[in-house]
Amino acid sequence: MLLYGRPRTRVLLRTIRVRTSEGPEFYDLTDDVLRCVRASGVRTGMVLVFARHTTAAVRIQENEPLLLEDLRDLLRALAPRDRKYRHDDFAVRTVNMTPGELANGHAHCAHLLLGASECVPLVDGELRLGRWQRIFLVELDGGREREVVVQVLGERVGPPPGRRARRRR
């Protein structure tokens, strides 16, 4: 095993902005996340991808068009837009209201099932995703600008400039 002195921990924090359309819809973020990894210089660590919303999720899935249509149908069946949600009763609800609020209880319910983030191992500067795995932002509500935070945390492994690698015994 080669050691290169003390590891140098690095952190990169970036925000990816995505303009979405009507949900449910899947937006492949994998190439954007890879650009963040490359900019960080981190070779070994973890990459956190986090949606700053309660009606948009981050998930790892295969980018196959028919499968994505099946997943859209599944989300519509699990949390139908036309079902009655207490969250959508603006005559009763008084908390967290915004001007022009739209009925979106279905999107919150779907988000509960999906979640806000994924964490992916980073090895030799590459995401350790499976052969078909891609990182998606999943829009569950109406279209708008979404923010996805990417945090790359790890070590920039390699000899410091002007130093040679040492062998560990």
C-alpha atoms as a PDB file:
ATOM      1  CA  MET A   1       0.000   0.000   0.000  1.00  0.00           C
ATOM      2  CA  LEU A   2       1.329   3.452  -0.869  1.00  0.00           C
ATOM      3  CA  LEU A   3       0.818   6.385   1.458  1.00  0.00           C
ATOM      4  CA  TYR A   4       1.275   9.966   0.400  1.00  0.00           C
ATOM      5  CA  GLY A   5       1.679  11.779   3.694  1.00  0.00           C
ATOM      6  CA  ARG A   6      -1.404  13.066   5.479  1.00  0.00           C
ATOM      7  CA  PRO A   7      -4.594  12.985   3.456  1.00  0.00           C
ATOM      8  CA  ARG A   8      -5.960  16.332   2.462  1.00  0.00           C
ATOM      9  CA  THR A   9      -9.659  16.584   3.225  1.00  0.00           C
ATOM     10  CA  ARG A  10     -11.644  18.686   0.801  1.00  0.00           C
ATOM     11  CA  VAL A  11     -15.238  19.818   0.652  1.00  0.00           C
ATOM     12  CA  LEU A  12     -17.020  21.286  -2.340  1.00  0.00           C
ATOM     13  CA  LEU A  13     -20.555  22.629  -2.109  1.00  0.00           C
ATOM     14  CA  ARG A  14     -22.424  23.531  -5.304  1.00  0.00           C
ATOM     15  CA  THR A  15     -26.041  24.229  -6.186  1.00  0.00           C
ATOM     16  CA  ILE A  16     -27.511  22.902  -9.421  1.00  0.00           C
ATOM     17  CA  ARG A  17     -30.590  24.755 -10.643  1.00  0.00           C
ATOM     18  CA  VAL A  18     -33.133  22.886 -12.723  1.00  0.00           C
ATOM     19  CA  ARG A  19     -36.222  24.347 -14.395  1.00  0.00           C
ATOM     20  CA  THR A  20     -38.883  21.642 -14.204  1.00  0.00           C
ATOM     21  CA  SER A  21     -42.246  21.076 -15.851  1.00  0.00           C
ATOM     22  CA  GLU A  22     -45.348  19.317 -14.580  1.00  0.00           C
ATOM     23  CA  GLY A  23     -44.670  16.306 -12.340  1.00  0.00           C
ATOM     24  CA  PRO A  24     -44.073  13.561 -11.953  1.00  0.00           C
ATOM     25  CA  GLU A  25     -41.040  14.011 -14.151  1.00  0.00           C
ATOM     26  CA  PHE A  26     -37.455  12.686 -13.973  1.00  0.00           C
ATOM     27  CA  TYR A  27     -34.418  14.918 -14.639  1.00  0.00           C
ATOM     28  CA  ASP A  28     -31.060  13.145 -14.982  1.00  0.00           C
ATOM     29  CA  LEU A  29     -28.489  15.034 -12.885  1.00  0.00           C
ATOM     30  CA  THR A  30     -25.637  12.531 -13.189  1.00  0.00           C
ATOM     31  CA  ASP A  31     -23.481  14.571 -15.590  1.00  0.00           C
ATOM     32  CA  ASP A  32     -23.976  17.726 -13.501  1.00  0.00           C
ATOM     33  CA  VAL A  33     -22.925  15.821 -10.371  1.00  0.00           C
ATOM     34  CA  LEU A  34     -19.851  14.475 -12.187  1.00  0.00           C
ATOM     35  CA  ARG A  35     -18.845  18.028 -13.109  1.00  0.00           C
ATOM     36  CA  CYS A  36     -19.005  18.928  -9.400  1.00  0.00           C
ATOM     37  CA  VAL A  37     -16.823  15.932  -8.542  1.00  0.00           C
ATOM     38  CA  ARG A  38     -14.221  16.921 -11.143  1.00  0.00           C
ATOM     39  CA  ALA A  39     -14.191  20.527  -9.880  1.00  0.00           C
ATOM     40  CA  SER A  40     -13.607  19.335  -6.299  1.00  0.00           C
ATOM     41  CA  GLY A  41     -10.399  17.415  -6.981  1.00  0.00           C
ATOM     42  CA  VAL A  42     -11.614  14.770  -4.506  1.00  0.00           C
ATOM     43  CA  ARG A  43     -10.555  11.238  -5.433  1.00  0.00           C
ATOM     44  CA  THR A  44     -11.959   9.208  -2.525  1.00  0.00           C
ATOM     45  CA  GLY A  45     -14.995  10.091  -0.447  1.00  0.00           C
ATOM     46  CA  MET A  46     -18.745  10.601  -0.688  1.00  0.00           C
ATOM     47  CA  VAL A  47     -21.066  12.720  -2.793  1.00  0.00           C
ATOM     48  CA  LEU A  48     -24.325  13.914  -1.264  1.00  0.00           C
ATOM     49  CA  VAL A  49     -27.072  15.058  -3.646  1.00  0.00           C
ATOM     50  CA  PHE A  50     -29.895  16.846  -1.816  1.00  0.00           C
ATOM     51  CA  ALA A  51     -33.102  18.500  -3.064  1.00  0.00           C
ATOM     52  CA  ARG A  52     -34.015  21.641  -1.106  1.00  0.00           C
ATOM     53  CA  HIS A  53     -37.721  20.968  -1.512  1.00  0.00           C
ATOM     54  CA  THR A  54     -40.567  18.921  -0.013  1.00  0.00           C
ATOM     55  CA  THR A  55     -42.233  18.362  -3.388  1.00  0.00           C
ATOM     56  CA  ALA A  56     -39.170  17.276  -5.399  1.00  0.00           C
ATOM     57  CA  ALA A  57     -37.031  14.243  -4.600  1.00  0.00           C
ATOM     58  CA  VAL A  58     -33.594  12.863  -5.452  1.00  0.00           C
ATOM     59  CA  ARG A  59     -33.420   9.182  -6.388  1.00  0.00           C
ATOM     60  CA  ILE A  60     -31.078   6.743  -8.108  1.00  0.00           C
ATOM     61  CA  GLN A  61     -32.732   4.806 -10.913  1.00  0.00           C
ATOM     62  CA  GLU A  62     -32.187   3.497 -14.418  1.00  0.00           C
ATOM     63  CA  ASN A  63     -32.644   5.988 -17.251  1.00  0.00           C
ATOM     64  CA  GLU A  64     -34.797   3.807 -19.481  1.00  0.00           C
ATOM     65  CA  PRO A  65     -37.774   5.644 -21.016  1.00  0.00           C
ATOM     66  CA  LEU A  66     -40.384   2.898 -20.548  1.00  0.00           C
ATOM     67  CA  LEU A  67     -39.316   2.296 -16.954  1.00  0.00           C
ATOM     68  CA  LEU A  68     -39.533   6.019 -16.206  1.00  0.00           C
ATOM     69  CA  GLU A  69     -43.074   6.052 -17.613  1.00  0.00           C
ATOM     70  CA  ASP A  70     -43.921   3.077 -15.359  1.00  0.00           C
ATOM     71  CA  LEU A  71     -42.507   4.978 -12.389  1.00  0.00           C
ATOM     72  CA  ARG A  72     -44.584   8.058 -13.283  1.00  0.00           C
ATOM     73  CA  ASP A  73     -47.694   5.860 -13.369  1.00  0.00           C
ATOM     74  CA  LEU A  74     -46.753   4.324 -10.010  1.00  0.00           C
ATOM     75  CA  LEU A  75     -46.322   7.739  -8.384  1.00  0.00           C
ATOM     76  CA  ARG A  76     -49.668   8.909  -9.796  1.00  0.00           C
ATOM     77  CA  ALA A  77     -51.354   5.773  -8.403  1.00  0.00           C
ATOM     78  CA  LEU A  78     -49.747   6.053  -4.952  1.00  0.00           C
ATOM     79  CA  ALA A  79     -50.550   9.753  -4.526  1.00  0.00           C
ATOM     80  CA  PRO A  80     -53.297  10.738  -6.992  1.00  0.00           C
ATOM     81  CA  ARG A  81     -53.584  14.438  -7.705  1.00  0.00           C
ATOM     82  CA  ASP A  82     -57.401  14.334  -7.584  1.00  0.00           C
ATOM     83  CA  ARG A  83     -57.641  12.744  -4.127  1.00  0.00           C
ATOM     84  CA  LYS A  84     -58.769  14.931  -1.202  1.00  0.00           C
ATOM     85  CA  TYR A  85     -55.798  16.093   0.928  1.00  0.00           C
ATOM     86  CA  ARG A  86     -56.222  18.142   4.110  1.00  0.00           C
ATOM     87  CA  HIS A  87     -53.134  20.116   3.114  1.00  0.00           C
ATOM     88  CA  ASP A  88     -55.090  21.395   0.103  1.00  0.00           C
ATOM     89  CA  ASP A  89     -58.060  22.701   2.115  1.00  0.00           C
ATOM     90  CA  PHE A  90     -57.135  26.384   2.130  1.00  0.00           C
ATOM     91  CA  ALA A  91     -60.321  27.287   4.008  1.00  0.00           C
ATOM     92  CA  VAL A  92     -58.969  25.404   7.044  1.00  0.00           C
ATOM     93  CA  ARG A  93     -55.184  25.370   6.646  1.00  0.00           C
ATOM     94  CA  THR A  94     -53.367  28.319   8.223  1.00  0.00           C
ATOM     95  CA  VAL A  95     -49.715  27.195   8.398  1.00  0.00           C
ATOM     96  CA  ASN A  96     -46.949  27.682   5.794  1.00  0.00           C
ATOM     97  CA  MET A  97     -49.195  29.440   3.290  1.00  0.00           C
ATOM     98  CA  THR A  98     -47.796  31.479   0.402  1.00  0.00           C
ATOM     99  CA  PRO A  99     -49.548  33.851  -2.021  1.00  0.00           C
ATOM    100  CA  GLY A 100     -50.897  31.934  -5.006  1.00  0.00           C
ATOM    101  CA  GLU A 101     -50.558  28.580  -3.216  1.00  0.00           C
ATOM    102  CA  LEU A 102     -51.651  25.639  -5.338  1.00  0.00           C
ATOM    103  CA  ALA A 103     -53.062  22.317  -4.167  1.00  0.00           C
ATOM    104  CA  ASN A 104     -50.090  19.952  -3.893  1.00  0.00           C
ATOM    105  CA  GLY A 105     -50.817  17.491  -1.091  1.00  0.00           C
ATOM    106  CA  HIS A 106     -50.195  14.666  -3.567  1.00  0.00           C
ATOM    107  CA  ALA A 107     -46.630  15.888  -4.166  1.00  0.00           C
ATOM    108  CA  HIS A 108     -45.825  16.018  -0.438  1.00  0.00           C
ATOM    109  CA  CYS A 109     -47.164  12.484   0.037  1.00  0.00           C
ATOM    110  CA  ALA A 110     -45.083  11.144  -2.867  1.00  0.00           C
ATOM    111  CA  HIS A 111     -42.008  12.930  -1.509  1.00  0.00           C
ATOM    112  CA  LEU A 112     -42.403  11.157   1.829  1.00  0.00           C
ATOM    113  CA  LEU A 113     -42.035   7.859  -0.036  1.00  0.00           C
ATOM    114  CA  LEU A 114     -39.030   8.950  -2.110  1.00  0.00           C
ATOM    115  CA  GLY A 115     -36.898  11.230   0.068  1.00  0.00           C
ATOM    116  CA  ALA A 116     -34.738  14.276  -0.435  1.00  0.00           C
ATOM    117  CA  SER A 117     -31.239  12.882  -0.961  1.00  0.00           C
ATOM    118  CA  GLU A 118     -28.847  10.208  -2.151  1.00  0.00           C
ATOM    119  CA  CYS A 119     -25.272   9.600  -1.037  1.00  0.00           C
ATOM    120  CA  VAL A 120     -22.903   7.953  -3.520  1.00  0.00           C
ATOM    121  CA  PRO A 121     -19.403   6.598  -2.807  1.00  0.00           C
ATOM    122  CA  LEU A 122     -16.560   8.219  -4.720  1.00  0.00           C
ATOM    123  CA  VAL A 123     -13.563   6.017  -5.600  1.00  0.00           C
ATOM    124  CA  ASP A 124     -10.629   7.062  -7.781  1.00  0.00           C
ATOM    125  CA  GLY A 125     -12.518  10.220  -8.711  1.00  0.00           C
ATOM    126  CA  GLU A 126     -15.515   8.290 -10.089  1.00  0.00           C
ATOM    127  CA  LEU A 127     -19.031   7.827  -8.764  1.00  0.00           C
ATOM    128  CA  ARG A 128     -19.473   4.179  -7.748  1.00  0.00           C
ATOM    129  CA  LEU A 129     -22.839   3.846  -9.435  1.00  0.00           C
ATOM    130  CA  GLY A 130     -23.958   0.546 -10.907  1.00  0.00           C
ATOM    131  CA  ARG A 131     -23.993  -0.050 -14.646  1.00  0.00           C
ATOM    132  CA  TRP A 132     -27.462   1.398 -15.209  1.00  0.00           C
ATOM    133  CA  GLN A 133     -27.733   3.727 -12.231  1.00  0.00           C
ATOM    134  CA  ARG A 134     -28.261   7.446 -12.762  1.00  0.00           C
ATOM    135  CA  ILE A 135     -29.031  10.256 -10.287  1.00  0.00           C
ATOM    136  CA  PHE A 136     -32.399  11.932 -10.814  1.00  0.00           C
ATOM    137  CA  LEU A 137     -34.275  14.936  -9.560  1.00  0.00           C
ATOM    138  CA  VAL A 138     -37.913  13.832  -9.452  1.00  0.00           C
ATOM    139  CA  GLU A 139     -40.403  16.669  -9.848  1.00  0.00           C
ATOM    140  CA  LEU A 140     -43.595  15.750  -7.990  1.00  0.00           C
ATOM    141  CA  ASP A 141     -45.522  19.039  -8.253  1.00  0.00           C
ATOM    142  CA  GLY A 142     -45.854  21.802 -10.856  1.00  0.00           C
ATOM    143  CA  GLY A 143     -42.990  23.235 -12.850  1.00  0.00           C
ATOM    144  CA  ARG A 144     -40.638  25.767 -11.297  1.00  0.00           C
ATOM    145  CA  GLU A 145     -36.955  26.367 -10.641  1.00  0.00           C
ATOM    146  CA  ARG A 146     -35.544  23.737  -8.292  1.00  0.00           C
ATOM    147  CA  GLU A 147     -32.293  23.743  -6.324  1.00  0.00           C
ATOM    148  CA  VAL A 148     -30.237  20.630  -5.793  1.00  0.00           C
ATOM    149  CA  VAL A 149     -27.249  20.858  -3.464  1.00  0.00           C
ATOM    150  CA  VAL A 150     -24.209  18.714  -4.266  1.00  0.00           C
ATOM    151  CA  GLN A 151     -21.639  18.251  -1.506  1.00  0.00           C
ATOM    152  CA  VAL A 152     -18.427  16.402  -2.348  1.00  0.00           C
ATOM    153  CA  LEU A 153     -16.465  15.374   0.745  1.00  0.00           C
ATOM    154  CA  GLY A 154     -13.274  13.372   0.791  1.00  0.00           C
ATOM    155  CA  GLU A 155      -9.572  13.162   0.248  1.00  0.00           C
ATOM    156  CA  ARG A 156      -7.500  14.359  -2.595  1.00  0.00           C
ATOM    157  CA  VAL A 157      -5.130  11.409  -2.559  1.00  0.00           C
ATOM    158  CA  GLY A 158      -1.747  11.817  -4.210  1.00  0.00           C
ATOM    159  CA  PRO A 159       1.718  13.027  -3.322  1.00  0.00           C
ATOM    160  CA  PRO A 160       2.019  16.699  -2.436  1.00  0.00           C
ATOM    161  CA  PRO A 161       3.831  18.710  -5.096  1.00  0.00           C
ATOM    162  CA  GLY A 162       7.598  18.094  -4.947  1.00  0.00           C
ATOM    163  CA  ARG A 163       7.304  14.988  -2.689  1.00  0.00           C
ATOM    164  CA  ARG A 164       7.697  11.337  -3.446  1.00  0.00           C
ATOM    165  CA  ALA A 165       5.359   8.601  -2.274  1.00  0.00           C
ATOM    166  CA  ARG A 166       6.433   6.511   0.749  1.00  0.00           C
ATOM    167  CA  ARG A 167       5.873   2.810   1.057  1.00  0.00           C
ATOM    168  CA  ARG A 168       4.056   1.620   4.186  1.00  0.00           C
ATOM    169  CA  ARG A 169       5.424  -1.469   5.813  1.00  0.00           C
END
